[in-house]
PDB file of all heavy atoms in Angstrom:
ATOM      1  N   ILE A   1      91.039  51.364 -14.255  1.00  0.00           N
ATOM      2  CA  ILE A   1      89.698  51.135 -13.635  1.00  0.00           C
ATOM      3  C   ILE A   1      88.892  50.203 -14.520  1.00  0.00           C
ATOM      4  O   ILE A   1      88.342  49.203 -13.996  1.00  0.00           O
ATOM      5  CB  ILE A   1      89.021  52.461 -13.331  1.00  0.00           C
ATOM      6  CG1 ILE A   1      89.669  53.191 -12.237  1.00  0.00           C
ATOM      7  CG2 ILE A   1      87.493  52.124 -12.824  1.00  0.00           C
ATOM      8  CD1 ILE A   1      89.167  54.619 -12.039  1.00  0.00           C
ATOM      9  N   ARG A   2      88.782  50.497 -15.865  1.00  0.00           N
ATOM     10  CA  ARG A   2      87.987  49.697 -16.710  1.00  0.00           C
ATOM     11  C   ARG A   2      88.522  48.301 -16.853  1.00  0.00           C
ATOM     12  O   ARG A   2      87.764  47.332 -16.820  1.00  0.00           O
ATOM     13  CB  ARG A   2      88.075  50.355 -18.102  1.00  0.00           C
ATOM     14  CG  ARG A   2      87.219  49.563 -19.203  1.00  0.00           C
ATOM     15  CD  ARG A   2      87.234  50.182 -20.547  1.00  0.00           C
ATOM     16  NE  ARG A   2      86.511  51.495 -20.483  1.00  0.00           N
ATOM     17  CZ  ARG A   2      87.025  52.622 -20.830  1.00  0.00           C
ATOM     18  NH1 ARG A   2      88.252  52.784 -21.226  1.00  0.00           N
ATOM     19  NH2 ARG A   2      86.327  53.734 -20.760  1.00  0.00           N
ATOM     20  N   TYR A   3      89.906  48.127 -16.895  1.00  0.00           N
ATOM     21  CA  TYR A   3      90.480  46.836 -16.950  1.00  0.00           C
ATOM     22  C   TYR A   3      90.040  45.967 -15.742  1.00  0.00           C
ATOM     23  O   TYR A   3      89.567  44.832 -15.879  1.00  0.00           O
ATOM     24  CB  TYR A   3      91.981  46.940 -17.003  1.00  0.00           C
ATOM     25  CG  TYR A   3      92.658  45.581 -16.899  1.00  0.00           C
ATOM     26  CD1 TYR A   3      92.771  44.725 -17.898  1.00  0.00           C
ATOM     27  CD2 TYR A   3      93.273  45.265 -15.673  1.00  0.00           C
ATOM     28  CE1 TYR A   3      93.380  43.450 -17.738  1.00  0.00           C
ATOM     29  CE2 TYR A   3      93.889  44.027 -15.533  1.00  0.00           C
ATOM     30  CZ  TYR A   3      93.932  43.210 -16.526  1.00  0.00           C
ATOM     31  OH  TYR A   3      94.518  41.919 -16.417  1.00  0.00           O
ATOM     32  N   PHE A   4      90.322  46.430 -14.546  1.00  0.00           N
ATOM     33  CA  PHE A   4      89.926  45.678 -13.366  1.00  0.00           C
ATOM     34  C   PHE A   4      88.456  45.439 -13.274  1.00  0.00           C
ATOM     35  O   PHE A   4      88.028  44.350 -12.788  1.00  0.00           O
ATOM     36  CB  PHE A   4      90.504  46.369 -12.060  1.00  0.00           C
ATOM     37  CG  PHE A   4      91.963  46.171 -11.968  1.00  0.00           C
ATOM     38  CD1 PHE A   4      92.839  47.332 -12.017  1.00  0.00           C
ATOM     39  CD2 PHE A   4      92.533  44.999 -11.653  1.00  0.00           C
ATOM     40  CE1 PHE A   4      94.189  47.220 -11.849  1.00  0.00           C
ATOM     41  CE2 PHE A   4      93.948  44.841 -11.523  1.00  0.00           C
ATOM     42  CZ  PHE A   4      94.723  45.937 -11.641  1.00  0.00           C
ATOM     43  N   ARG A   5      87.593  46.406 -13.606  1.00  0.00           N
ATOM     44  CA  ARG A   5      86.195  46.263 -13.530  1.00  0.00           C
ATOM     45  C   ARG A   5      85.737  45.161 -14.463  1.00  0.00           C
ATOM     46  O   ARG A   5      84.982  44.258 -14.070  1.00  0.00           O
ATOM     47  CB  ARG A   5      85.488  47.649 -13.879  1.00  0.00           C
ATOM     48  CG  ARG A   5      83.994  47.459 -13.962  1.00  0.00           C
ATOM     49  CD  ARG A   5      83.298  48.778 -14.281  1.00  0.00           C
ATOM     50  NE  ARG A   5      83.588  49.271 -15.605  1.00  0.00           N
ATOM     51  CZ  ARG A   5      83.128  48.839 -16.780  1.00  0.00           C
ATOM     52  NH1 ARG A   5      82.261  47.801 -16.801  1.00  0.00           N
ATOM     53  NH2 ARG A   5      83.446  49.410 -17.923  1.00  0.00           N
ATOM     54  N   LYS A   6      86.210  45.159 -15.720  1.00  0.00           N
ATOM     55  CA  LYS A   6      85.727  44.187 -16.688  1.00  0.00           C
ATOM     56  C   LYS A   6      86.329  42.782 -16.360  1.00  0.00           C
ATOM     57  O   LYS A   6      85.608  41.777 -16.607  1.00  0.00           O
ATOM     58  CB  LYS A   6      86.208  44.617 -18.099  1.00  0.00           C
ATOM     59  CG  LYS A   6      85.419  45.732 -18.650  1.00  0.00           C
ATOM     60  CD  LYS A   6      85.667  45.969 -20.072  1.00  0.00           C
ATOM     61  CE  LYS A   6      84.742  46.955 -20.670  1.00  0.00           C
ATOM     62  NZ  LYS A   6      84.862  47.144 -22.154  1.00  0.00           N
ATOM     63  N   GLU A   7      87.552  42.739 -15.758  1.00  0.00           N
ATOM     64  CA  GLU A   7      88.093  41.514 -15.403  1.00  0.00           C
ATOM     65  C   GLU A   7      87.273  40.886 -14.315  1.00  0.00           C
ATOM     66  O   GLU A   7      87.104  39.637 -14.253  1.00  0.00           O
ATOM     67  CB  GLU A   7      89.560  41.828 -14.765  1.00  0.00           C
ATOM     68  CG  GLU A   7      90.266  40.608 -14.459  1.00  0.00           C
ATOM     69  CD  GLU A   7      91.656  40.883 -13.932  1.00  0.00           C
ATOM     70  OE1 GLU A   7      91.754  41.559 -12.959  1.00  0.00           O
ATOM     71  OE2 GLU A   7      92.652  40.302 -14.501  1.00  0.00           O
ATOM     72  N   ARG A   8      86.531  41.600 -13.492  1.00  0.00           N
ATOM     73  CA  ARG A   8      85.730  41.106 -12.471  1.00  0.00           C
ATOM     74  C   ARG A   8      84.227  40.917 -12.887  1.00  0.00           C
ATOM     75  O   ARG A   8      83.414  40.623 -12.135  1.00  0.00           O
ATOM     76  CB  ARG A   8      85.828  42.008 -11.232  1.00  0.00           C
ATOM     77  CG  ARG A   8      87.054  41.753 -10.481  1.00  0.00           C
ATOM     78  CD  ARG A   8      87.609  42.913  -9.722  1.00  0.00           C
ATOM     79  NE  ARG A   8      88.857  42.592  -9.075  1.00  0.00           N
ATOM     80  CZ  ARG A   8      90.020  42.518  -9.666  1.00  0.00           C
ATOM     81  NH1 ARG A   8      90.157  42.735 -10.924  1.00  0.00           N
ATOM     82  NH2 ARG A   8      91.157  42.169  -9.020  1.00  0.00           N
ATOM     83  N   GLY A   9      83.948  41.338 -14.158  1.00  0.00           N
ATOM     84  CA  GLY A   9      82.617  41.144 -14.683  1.00  0.00           C
ATOM     85  C   GLY A   9      81.638  42.152 -14.118  1.00  0.00           C
ATOM     86  O   GLY A   9      80.450  41.814 -14.060  1.00  0.00           O
ATOM     87  N   LEU A  10      82.069  43.333 -13.771  1.00  0.00           N
ATOM     88  CA  LEU A  10      81.197  44.245 -13.092  1.00  0.00           C
ATOM     89  C   LEU A  10      80.771  45.269 -14.177  1.00  0.00           C
ATOM     90  O   LEU A  10      81.567  45.684 -15.027  1.00  0.00           O
ATOM     91  CB  LEU A  10      81.882  44.981 -11.986  1.00  0.00           C
ATOM     92  CG  LEU A  10      82.254  44.218 -10.755  1.00  0.00           C
ATOM     93  CD1 LEU A  10      83.074  45.001  -9.754  1.00  0.00           C
ATOM     94  CD2 LEU A  10      80.996  43.644 -10.053  1.00  0.00           C
ATOM     95  N   SER A  11      79.541  45.779 -14.042  1.00  0.00           N
ATOM     96  CA  SER A  11      79.182  47.002 -14.870  1.00  0.00           C
ATOM     97  C   SER A  11      79.573  48.174 -14.148  1.00  0.00           C
ATOM     98  O   SER A  11      79.989  48.148 -12.922  1.00  0.00           O
ATOM     99  CB  SER A  11      77.647  46.970 -14.981  1.00  0.00           C
ATOM    100  OG  SER A  11      76.992  47.236 -13.698  1.00  0.00           O
ATOM    101  N   GLN A  12      79.541  49.365 -14.838  1.00  0.00           N
ATOM    102  CA  GLN A  12      79.887  50.574 -14.135  1.00  0.00           C
ATOM    103  C   GLN A  12      78.955  50.802 -12.974  1.00  0.00           C
ATOM    104  O   GLN A  12      79.331  51.278 -11.948  1.00  0.00           O
ATOM    105  CB  GLN A  12      79.811  51.749 -15.152  1.00  0.00           C
ATOM    106  CG  GLN A  12      80.970  51.733 -16.177  1.00  0.00           C
ATOM    107  CD  GLN A  12      80.832  52.914 -17.137  1.00  0.00           C
ATOM    108  OE1 GLN A  12      79.809  53.607 -17.201  1.00  0.00           O
ATOM    109  NE2 GLN A  12      81.913  53.107 -17.899  1.00  0.00           N
ATOM    110  N   GLU A  13      77.709  50.492 -13.216  1.00  0.00           N
ATOM    111  CA  GLU A  13      76.693  50.780 -12.120  1.00  0.00           C
ATOM    112  C   GLU A  13      77.014  49.921 -10.832  1.00  0.00           C
ATOM    113  O   GLU A  13      76.923  50.322  -9.742  1.00  0.00           O
ATOM    114  CB  GLU A  13      75.320  50.470 -12.614  1.00  0.00           C
ATOM    115  CG  GLU A  13      74.811  51.417 -13.632  1.00  0.00           C
ATOM    116  CD  GLU A  13      75.370  51.179 -15.082  1.00  0.00           C
ATOM    117  OE1 GLU A  13      75.924  50.155 -15.368  1.00  0.00           O
ATOM    118  OE2 GLU A  13      75.203  52.084 -15.956  1.00  0.00           O
ATOM    119  N   GLU A  14      77.366  48.596 -11.126  1.00  0.00           N
ATOM    120  CA  GLU A  14      77.718  47.764  -9.963  1.00  0.00           C
ATOM    121  C   GLU A  14      78.937  48.222  -9.214  1.00  0.00           C
ATOM    122  O   GLU A  14      78.957  48.228  -8.024  1.00  0.00           O
ATOM    123  CB  GLU A  14      77.928  46.302 -10.489  1.00  0.00           C
ATOM    124  CG  GLU A  14      76.646  45.621 -10.980  1.00  0.00           C
ATOM    125  CD  GLU A  14      76.952  44.313 -11.710  1.00  0.00           C
ATOM    126  OE1 GLU A  14      77.944  44.205 -12.418  1.00  0.00           O
ATOM    127  OE2 GLU A  14      76.072  43.451 -11.630  1.00  0.00           O
ATOM    128  N   LEU A  15      79.915  48.610  -9.974  1.00  0.00           N
ATOM    129  CA  LEU A  15      81.174  49.110  -9.333  1.00  0.00           C
ATOM    130  C   LEU A  15      80.861  50.405  -8.557  1.00  0.00           C
ATOM    131  O   LEU A  15      81.280  50.558  -7.461  1.00  0.00           O
ATOM    132  CB  LEU A  15      82.263  49.471 -10.372  1.00  0.00           C
ATOM    133  CG  LEU A  15      83.549  50.071  -9.825  1.00  0.00           C
ATOM    134  CD1 LEU A  15      84.213  49.234  -8.719  1.00  0.00           C
ATOM    135  CD2 LEU A  15      84.573  50.314 -10.936  1.00  0.00           C
ATOM    136  N   ALA A  16      80.106  51.330  -9.229  1.00  0.00           N
ATOM    137  CA  ALA A  16      79.728  52.563  -8.479  1.00  0.00           C
ATOM    138  C   ALA A  16      78.880  52.287  -7.150  1.00  0.00           C
ATOM    139  O   ALA A  16      79.279  52.886  -6.154  1.00  0.00           O
ATOM    140  CB  ALA A  16      78.858  53.424  -9.462  1.00  0.00           C
ATOM    141  N   HIS A  17      78.016  51.356  -7.271  1.00  0.00           N
ATOM    142  CA  HIS A  17      77.245  50.997  -6.042  1.00  0.00           C
ATOM    143  C   HIS A  17      78.174  50.462  -4.974  1.00  0.00           C
ATOM    144  O   HIS A  17      78.106  50.824  -3.811  1.00  0.00           O
ATOM    145  CB  HIS A  17      76.139  50.023  -6.388  1.00  0.00           C
ATOM    146  CG  HIS A  17      75.322  49.550  -5.192  1.00  0.00           C
ATOM    147  ND1 HIS A  17      74.436  50.383  -4.561  1.00  0.00           N
ATOM    148  CD2 HIS A  17      75.405  48.361  -4.524  1.00  0.00           C
ATOM    149  CE1 HIS A  17      73.902  49.649  -3.534  1.00  0.00           C
ATOM    150  NE2 HIS A  17      74.459  48.469  -3.514  1.00  0.00           N
ATOM    151  N   GLN A  18      79.048  49.585  -5.317  1.00  0.00           N
ATOM    152  CA  GLN A  18      79.927  48.969  -4.310  1.00  0.00           C
ATOM    153  C   GLN A  18      80.994  49.957  -3.830  1.00  0.00           C
ATOM    154  O   GLN A  18      81.434  49.767  -2.690  1.00  0.00           O
ATOM    155  CB  GLN A  18      80.629  47.710  -4.972  1.00  0.00           C
ATOM    156  CG  GLN A  18      79.722  46.572  -5.201  1.00  0.00           C
ATOM    157  CD  GLN A  18      80.486  45.375  -5.842  1.00  0.00           C
ATOM    158  OE1 GLN A  18      81.651  45.242  -5.817  1.00  0.00           O
ATOM    159  NE2 GLN A  18      79.730  44.474  -6.572  1.00  0.00           N
ATOM    160  N   ALA A  19      81.328  50.894  -4.575  1.00  0.00           N
ATOM    161  CA  ALA A  19      82.284  51.922  -4.144  1.00  0.00           C
ATOM    162  C   ALA A  19      81.572  53.163  -3.536  1.00  0.00           C
ATOM    163  O   ALA A  19      82.327  54.108  -3.083  1.00  0.00           O
ATOM    164  CB  ALA A  19      83.133  52.351  -5.367  1.00  0.00           C
ATOM    165  N   SER A  20      80.315  53.173  -3.456  1.00  0.00           N
ATOM    166  CA  SER A  20      79.522  54.323  -2.972  1.00  0.00           C
ATOM    167  C   SER A  20      79.866  55.590  -3.699  1.00  0.00           C
ATOM    168  O   SER A  20      80.051  56.667  -3.169  1.00  0.00           O
ATOM    169  CB  SER A  20      79.803  54.545  -1.453  1.00  0.00           C
ATOM    170  OG  SER A  20      79.386  53.407  -0.772  1.00  0.00           O
ATOM    171  N   LEU A  21      79.909  55.418  -5.047  1.00  0.00           N
ATOM    172  CA  LEU A  21      80.162  56.594  -5.962  1.00  0.00           C
ATOM    173  C   LEU A  21      79.082  56.578  -6.962  1.00  0.00           C
ATOM    174  O   LEU A  21      78.324  55.597  -7.183  1.00  0.00           O
ATOM    175  CB  LEU A  21      81.472  56.477  -6.655  1.00  0.00           C
ATOM    176  CG  LEU A  21      82.724  56.422  -5.773  1.00  0.00           C
ATOM    177  CD1 LEU A  21      83.974  56.072  -6.482  1.00  0.00           C
ATOM    178  CD2 LEU A  21      82.895  57.819  -5.088  1.00  0.00           C
ATOM    179  N   HIS A  22      78.870  57.683  -7.730  1.00  0.00           N
ATOM    180  CA  HIS A  22      77.852  57.809  -8.693  1.00  0.00           C
ATOM    181  C   HIS A  22      78.339  57.081  -9.987  1.00  0.00           C
ATOM    182  O   HIS A  22      79.530  57.126 -10.385  1.00  0.00           O
ATOM    183  CB  HIS A  22      77.477  59.278  -9.069  1.00  0.00           C
ATOM    184  CG  HIS A  22      76.175  59.423  -9.673  1.00  0.00           C
ATOM    185  ND1 HIS A  22      76.050  59.279 -11.088  1.00  0.00           N
ATOM    186  CD2 HIS A  22      74.944  59.688  -9.251  1.00  0.00           C
ATOM    187  CE1 HIS A  22      74.826  59.412 -11.409  1.00  0.00           C
ATOM    188  NE2 HIS A  22      74.044  59.727 -10.295  1.00  0.00           N
ATOM    189  N   ASN A  23      77.385  56.402 -10.716  1.00  0.00           N
ATOM    190  CA  ASN A  23      77.806  55.577 -11.895  1.00  0.00           C
ATOM    191  C   ASN A  23      78.283  56.521 -12.991  1.00  0.00           C
ATOM    192  O   ASN A  23      79.229  56.063 -13.787  1.00  0.00           O
ATOM    193  CB  ASN A  23      76.664  54.664 -12.368  1.00  0.00           C
ATOM    194  CG  ASN A  23      75.445  55.425 -12.751  1.00  0.00           C
ATOM    195  OD1 ASN A  23      74.985  56.376 -12.103  1.00  0.00           O
ATOM    196  ND2 ASN A  23      74.847  54.951 -13.736  1.00  0.00           N
ATOM    197  N   THR A  24      77.790  57.744 -13.129  1.00  0.00           N
ATOM    198  CA  THR A  24      78.303  58.552 -14.166  1.00  0.00           C
ATOM    199  C   THR A  24      79.736  58.997 -13.871  1.00  0.00           C
ATOM    200  O   THR A  24      80.584  59.200 -14.740  1.00  0.00           O
ATOM    201  CB  THR A  24      77.444  59.906 -14.358  1.00  0.00           C
ATOM    202  OG1 THR A  24      77.365  60.553 -13.110  1.00  0.00           O
ATOM    203  CG2 THR A  24      76.073  59.483 -14.945  1.00  0.00           C
TER     204      THR A  24
END
């Protein structure tokens, strides 16, 4: 998850928002 998130330049918060999940 971290690899693909960072590869796309997303923060945890941005990924959480796009996935409709909580950032924590």
